[in-house]
Amino acid sequence: MQFVSAVKNFLVSEDGPTAVEYAVMLALIVIVCLTAVQAIGTNANAKFQKVADTLK
């Protein structure tokens, strides 16, 4: 009887799905941050190359 109650509580509990939702949200945030850093790095590299070419 205690096992059935434990299984029922596990299925009703929302801790598992909440953790999955947080993991998906964190993954999306990391992807957005990496994309932004890459874009900023590419733009900065282009600016530095333009300055270097002008100084030559």
N, C-alpha and C. Protein backbone atom coordinates (compact mmCIF):
# COMPACT_ATOMS: atom_id res chain seq x y z
N MET A 1 0.82 -1.20 0.00
CA MET A 1 0.00 0.00 0.00
C MET A 1 0.87 1.26 0.00
N GLN A 2 1.97 1.21 0.74
CA GLN A 2 2.85 2.37 0.81
C GLN A 2 3.51 2.62 -0.56
N PHE A 3 3.84 1.53 -1.27
CA PHE A 3 4.45 1.66 -2.60
C PHE A 3 3.48 2.34 -3.57
N VAL A 4 2.23 1.94 -3.54
CA VAL A 4 1.22 2.53 -4.43
C VAL A 4 1.06 4.01 -4.12
N SER A 5 1.07 4.35 -2.85
CA SER A 5 0.97 5.75 -2.45
C SER A 5 2.18 6.54 -2.93
N ALA A 6 3.36 5.96 -2.83
CA ALA A 6 4.58 6.64 -3.28
C ALA A 6 4.55 6.87 -4.79
N VAL A 7 4.10 5.87 -5.54
CA VAL A 7 4.01 6.01 -7.00
C VAL A 7 2.98 7.07 -7.36
N LYS A 8 1.86 7.08 -6.68
CA LYS A 8 0.83 8.07 -6.94
C LYS A 8 1.35 9.49 -6.66
N ASN A 9 2.06 9.65 -5.54
CA ASN A 9 2.63 10.96 -5.22
C ASN A 9 3.67 11.38 -6.25
N PHE A 10 4.47 10.43 -6.74
CA PHE A 10 5.48 10.74 -7.75
C PHE A 10 4.82 11.22 -9.05
N LEU A 11 3.74 10.56 -9.45
CA LEU A 11 3.06 10.94 -10.68
C LEU A 11 2.35 12.28 -10.56
N VAL A 12 1.87 12.61 -9.38
CA VAL A 12 1.17 13.87 -9.18
C VAL A 12 2.15 15.02 -8.99
N SER A 13 3.33 14.74 -8.47
CA SER A 13 4.33 15.77 -8.21
C SER A 13 4.75 16.45 -9.50
N GLU A 14 4.97 17.75 -9.42
CA GLU A 14 5.36 18.52 -10.60
C GLU A 14 6.84 18.89 -10.57
N ASP A 15 7.62 18.29 -9.70
CA ASP A 15 9.04 18.63 -9.62
C ASP A 15 9.80 18.20 -10.87
N GLY A 16 9.50 17.04 -11.40
CA GLY A 16 10.18 16.55 -12.59
C GLY A 16 9.96 17.43 -13.81
N PRO A 17 8.70 17.69 -14.18
CA PRO A 17 8.46 18.56 -15.33
C PRO A 17 9.01 19.97 -15.13
N THR A 18 8.96 20.47 -13.92
CA THR A 18 9.48 21.80 -13.65
C THR A 18 10.99 21.83 -13.90
N ALA A 19 11.70 20.81 -13.48
CA ALA A 19 13.13 20.74 -13.72
C ALA A 19 13.43 20.67 -15.21
N VAL A 20 12.62 19.92 -15.95
CA VAL A 20 12.82 19.83 -17.40
C VAL A 20 12.57 21.18 -18.05
N GLU A 21 11.54 21.87 -17.62
CA GLU A 21 11.24 23.19 -18.17
C GLU A 21 12.39 24.15 -17.91
N TYR A 22 12.92 24.13 -16.71
CA TYR A 22 14.06 25.00 -16.39
C TYR A 22 15.28 24.63 -17.23
N ALA A 23 15.51 23.36 -17.46
CA ALA A 23 16.65 22.93 -18.27
C ALA A 23 16.50 23.41 -19.72
N VAL A 24 15.30 23.30 -20.27
CA VAL A 24 15.06 23.77 -21.64
C VAL A 24 15.23 25.28 -21.71
N MET A 25 14.70 26.00 -20.73
CA MET A 25 14.83 27.45 -20.70
C MET A 25 16.30 27.86 -20.61
N LEU A 26 17.06 27.17 -19.76
CA LEU A 26 18.48 27.46 -19.62
C LEU A 26 19.22 27.19 -20.93
N ALA A 27 18.89 26.11 -21.60
CA ALA A 27 19.53 25.80 -22.88
C ALA A 27 19.24 26.88 -23.92
N LEU A 28 18.02 27.36 -23.96
CA LEU A 28 17.68 28.42 -24.91
C LEU A 28 18.41 29.72 -24.58
N ILE A 29 18.52 30.05 -23.31
CA ILE A 29 19.25 31.25 -22.90
C ILE A 29 20.72 31.14 -23.29
N VAL A 30 21.31 29.98 -23.09
CA VAL A 30 22.72 29.78 -23.45
C VAL A 30 22.90 29.93 -24.96
N ILE A 31 21.99 29.38 -25.75
CA ILE A 31 22.08 29.50 -27.21
C ILE A 31 22.00 30.96 -27.63
N VAL A 32 21.07 31.70 -27.05
CA VAL A 32 20.93 33.12 -27.39
C VAL A 32 22.19 33.89 -27.00
N CYS A 33 22.73 33.62 -25.83
CA CYS A 33 23.95 34.31 -25.38
C CYS A 33 25.13 33.99 -26.29
N LEU A 34 25.31 32.74 -26.66
CA LEU A 34 26.41 32.38 -27.55
C LEU A 34 26.26 33.03 -28.92
N THR A 35 25.05 33.09 -29.42
CA THR A 35 24.80 33.74 -30.71
C THR A 35 25.12 35.23 -30.63
N ALA A 36 24.72 35.88 -29.53
CA ALA A 36 25.00 37.30 -29.37
C ALA A 36 26.50 37.55 -29.25
N VAL A 37 27.20 36.73 -28.49
CA VAL A 37 28.65 36.91 -28.34
C VAL A 37 29.34 36.71 -29.67
N GLN A 38 28.91 35.73 -30.45
CA GLN A 38 29.51 35.49 -31.76
C GLN A 38 29.28 36.68 -32.68
N ALA A 39 28.07 37.23 -32.67
CA ALA A 39 27.77 38.38 -33.53
C ALA A 39 28.59 39.59 -33.12
N ILE A 40 28.70 39.84 -31.83
CA ILE A 40 29.49 40.97 -31.34
C ILE A 40 30.97 40.77 -31.70
N GLY A 41 31.46 39.55 -31.55
CA GLY A 41 32.85 39.26 -31.89
C GLY A 41 33.13 39.46 -33.37
N THR A 42 32.20 39.04 -34.20
CA THR A 42 32.37 39.21 -35.65
C THR A 42 32.39 40.69 -36.02
N ASN A 43 31.48 41.46 -35.43
CA ASN A 43 31.44 42.90 -35.71
C ASN A 43 32.70 43.59 -35.20
N ALA A 44 33.16 43.23 -34.03
CA ALA A 44 34.37 43.84 -33.48
C ALA A 44 35.58 43.49 -34.34
N ASN A 45 35.66 42.25 -34.79
CA ASN A 45 36.76 41.83 -35.64
C ASN A 45 36.76 42.63 -36.95
N ALA A 46 35.60 42.84 -37.52
CA ALA A 46 35.51 43.63 -38.76
C ALA A 46 35.97 45.07 -38.53
N LYS A 47 35.58 45.64 -37.41
CA LYS A 47 36.00 47.03 -37.09
C LYS A 47 37.51 47.11 -36.91
N PHE A 48 38.08 46.17 -36.16
CA PHE A 48 39.53 46.18 -35.94
C PHE A 48 40.28 45.97 -37.26
N GLN A 49 39.75 45.11 -38.12
CA GLN A 49 40.40 44.89 -39.42
C GLN A 49 40.33 46.15 -40.27
N LYS A 50 39.22 46.87 -40.21
CA LYS A 50 39.07 48.12 -40.96
C LYS A 50 40.08 49.15 -40.46
N VAL A 51 40.24 49.26 -39.15
CA VAL A 51 41.21 50.20 -38.58
C VAL A 51 42.64 49.79 -38.99
N ALA A 52 42.93 48.51 -38.93
CA ALA A 52 44.26 48.03 -39.30
C ALA A 52 44.55 48.33 -40.78
N ASP A 53 43.56 48.13 -41.62
CA ASP A 53 43.75 48.42 -43.05
C ASP A 53 43.95 49.91 -43.29
N THR A 54 43.24 50.74 -42.53
CA THR A 54 43.37 52.20 -42.67
C THR A 54 44.75 52.66 -42.22
N LEU A 55 45.29 52.07 -41.18
CA LEU A 55 46.59 52.47 -40.67
C LEU A 55 47.74 52.04 -41.58
N LYS A 56 47.52 51.05 -42.43
CA LYS A 56 48.59 50.58 -43.32
C LYS A 56 48.82 51.60 -44.36
